[in-house]
């Protein structure tokens, strides 16, 4: 989590409030609290007689096919899905949703093939 301290009367620009990136997450913006708070955007001005601490807010992004939920597609996801299809491993509801590559509501060999294809690219 990034944190910036900004003085009163400062007009916020892209140099003061850069767009951040973090693998597996979507940047939601700059806020006055670590959780909740008021959102500040480029072009906003810090109110007079106040000093502002701004914090980044993130939303976790689920990656289709990331069966083991490590935020990357890899051979480990293929192995997990193969074990599930061979009834050697159970998957949670969230893992099954991520494994359903063709979004037909079922997890089967077609999803495994699509996962393999997506790793080739």
Protein backbone atom coordinates (compact mmCIF):
# COMPACT_ATOMS: atom_id res chain seq x y z
CA UNK A 1 0.00 0.00 0.00
CA UNK A 2 1.44 3.38 -1.02
CA UNK A 3 0.92 6.44 1.13
CA UNK A 4 1.51 10.11 0.25
CA UNK A 5 1.40 13.22 2.44
CA UNK A 6 0.20 16.31 0.52
CA UNK A 7 0.04 19.93 1.74
CA UNK A 8 -3.08 22.15 1.78
CA UNK A 9 -3.84 24.06 -1.42
CA UNK A 10 -1.90 21.64 -3.62
CA UNK A 11 -3.57 20.84 -6.93
CA UNK A 12 -3.20 17.14 -7.60
CA UNK A 13 -1.68 16.08 -10.92
CA UNK A 14 -0.35 12.84 -12.46
CA UNK A 15 3.06 13.46 -10.89
CA UNK A 16 1.65 13.66 -7.37
CA UNK A 17 -0.92 10.89 -7.93
CA UNK A 18 0.58 8.35 -10.30
CA UNK A 19 -1.50 5.46 -11.57
CA UNK A 20 -0.15 2.44 -9.75
CA UNK A 21 0.08 -1.18 -10.87
CA UNK A 22 0.25 -4.39 -8.89
CA UNK A 23 0.09 -7.92 -10.30
CA UNK A 24 -3.30 -9.54 -9.72
CA UNK A 25 -5.00 -6.28 -8.66
CA UNK A 26 -6.86 -3.37 -10.24
CA UNK A 27 -5.91 0.12 -9.06
CA UNK A 28 -9.07 1.86 -7.78
CA UNK A 29 -7.53 5.23 -6.92
CA UNK A 30 -6.26 7.40 -4.08
CA UNK A 31 -8.30 7.70 -0.87
CA UNK A 32 -8.06 9.55 2.47
CA UNK A 33 -8.12 6.32 4.51
CA UNK A 34 -6.57 2.87 4.23
CA UNK A 35 -10.11 1.50 4.03
CA UNK A 36 -13.00 3.65 2.83
CA UNK A 37 -12.40 7.39 2.87
CA UNK A 38 -12.87 10.04 0.21
CA UNK A 39 -11.46 9.49 -3.27
CA UNK A 40 -9.12 12.13 -4.70
CA UNK A 41 -8.43 12.31 -8.43
CA UNK A 42 -6.14 14.27 -10.72
CA UNK A 43 -7.35 17.86 -10.81
CA UNK A 44 -8.61 17.85 -7.21
CA UNK A 45 -7.25 20.48 -4.81
CA UNK A 46 -6.38 19.67 -1.22
CA UNK A 47 -8.72 21.71 1.06
CA UNK A 48 -7.26 24.77 2.81
CA UNK A 49 -6.10 24.34 6.40
CA UNK A 50 -5.65 20.62 6.00
CA UNK A 51 -2.85 18.24 5.29
CA UNK A 52 -3.80 15.12 3.42
CA UNK A 53 -2.57 11.57 3.62
CA UNK A 54 -3.64 9.54 0.59
CA UNK A 55 -3.65 5.76 0.33
CA UNK A 56 -3.96 3.41 -2.63
CA UNK A 57 -7.05 1.19 -2.92
CA UNK A 58 -6.94 -2.08 -4.83
CA UNK A 59 -9.43 -4.70 -5.99
CA UNK A 60 -8.26 -8.29 -6.43
CA UNK A 61 -8.62 -9.47 -10.02
CA UNK A 62 -9.24 -13.15 -10.58
CA UNK A 63 -7.35 -14.58 -13.54
CA UNK A 64 -9.35 -17.09 -15.58
CA UNK A 65 -7.59 -20.46 -15.33
CA UNK A 66 -5.60 -19.58 -12.19
CA UNK A 67 -6.85 -22.69 -10.40
CA UNK A 68 -4.28 -22.52 -7.58
CA UNK A 69 -4.92 -18.75 -7.06
CA UNK A 70 -1.27 -17.66 -7.14
CA UNK A 71 -2.05 -14.76 -9.53
CA UNK A 72 -0.28 -16.29 -12.53
CA UNK A 73 -1.15 -18.92 -15.12
CA UNK A 74 1.35 -21.75 -15.03
CA UNK A 75 1.80 -25.49 -15.40
CA UNK A 76 0.73 -25.78 -11.74
CA UNK A 77 -2.80 -24.74 -12.76
CA UNK A 78 -2.87 -27.46 -15.40
CA UNK A 79 -1.69 -30.05 -12.88
CA UNK A 80 -4.35 -28.97 -10.36
CA UNK A 81 -7.09 -29.19 -12.98
CA UNK A 82 -5.85 -32.58 -14.21
CA UNK A 83 -5.90 -33.93 -10.64
CA UNK A 84 -9.44 -32.64 -10.20
CA UNK A 85 -10.58 -34.29 -13.43
CA UNK A 86 -8.97 -37.58 -12.32
CA UNK A 87 -10.79 -37.21 -8.95
CA UNK A 88 -7.47 -37.00 -7.13
CA UNK A 89 -8.10 -33.51 -5.80
CA UNK A 90 -11.07 -31.41 -4.70
CA UNK A 91 -11.46 -27.79 -5.81
CA UNK A 92 -13.33 -25.02 -4.01
CA UNK A 93 -16.27 -23.26 -5.65
CA UNK A 94 -13.99 -20.30 -6.47
CA UNK A 95 -11.37 -22.58 -8.03
CA UNK A 96 -14.05 -24.30 -10.11
CA UNK A 97 -15.27 -20.93 -11.34
CA UNK A 98 -11.72 -19.99 -12.40
CA UNK A 99 -11.21 -23.43 -14.01
CA UNK A 100 -14.36 -23.10 -16.16
CA UNK A 101 -12.44 -21.63 -19.10
CA UNK A 102 -15.36 -21.76 -21.56
CA UNK A 103 -17.89 -20.53 -18.96
CA UNK A 104 -20.40 -23.29 -19.69
CA UNK A 105 -20.99 -24.01 -16.00
CA UNK A 106 -19.06 -27.30 -16.06
CA UNK A 107 -15.40 -28.09 -15.55
CA UNK A 108 -14.19 -30.80 -17.90
CA UNK A 109 -11.56 -31.81 -20.46
CA UNK A 110 -12.56 -28.91 -22.72
CA UNK A 111 -11.55 -26.46 -19.99
CA UNK A 112 -8.25 -28.29 -19.54
CA UNK A 113 -7.54 -27.97 -23.27
CA UNK A 114 -8.39 -24.25 -23.23
CA UNK A 115 -6.13 -23.75 -20.24
CA UNK A 116 -3.27 -25.51 -22.04
CA UNK A 117 -3.85 -23.33 -25.10
CA UNK A 118 -3.83 -20.14 -23.06
CA UNK A 119 -0.43 -21.08 -21.61
CA UNK A 120 1.01 -21.54 -25.10
CA UNK A 121 0.29 -17.92 -25.97
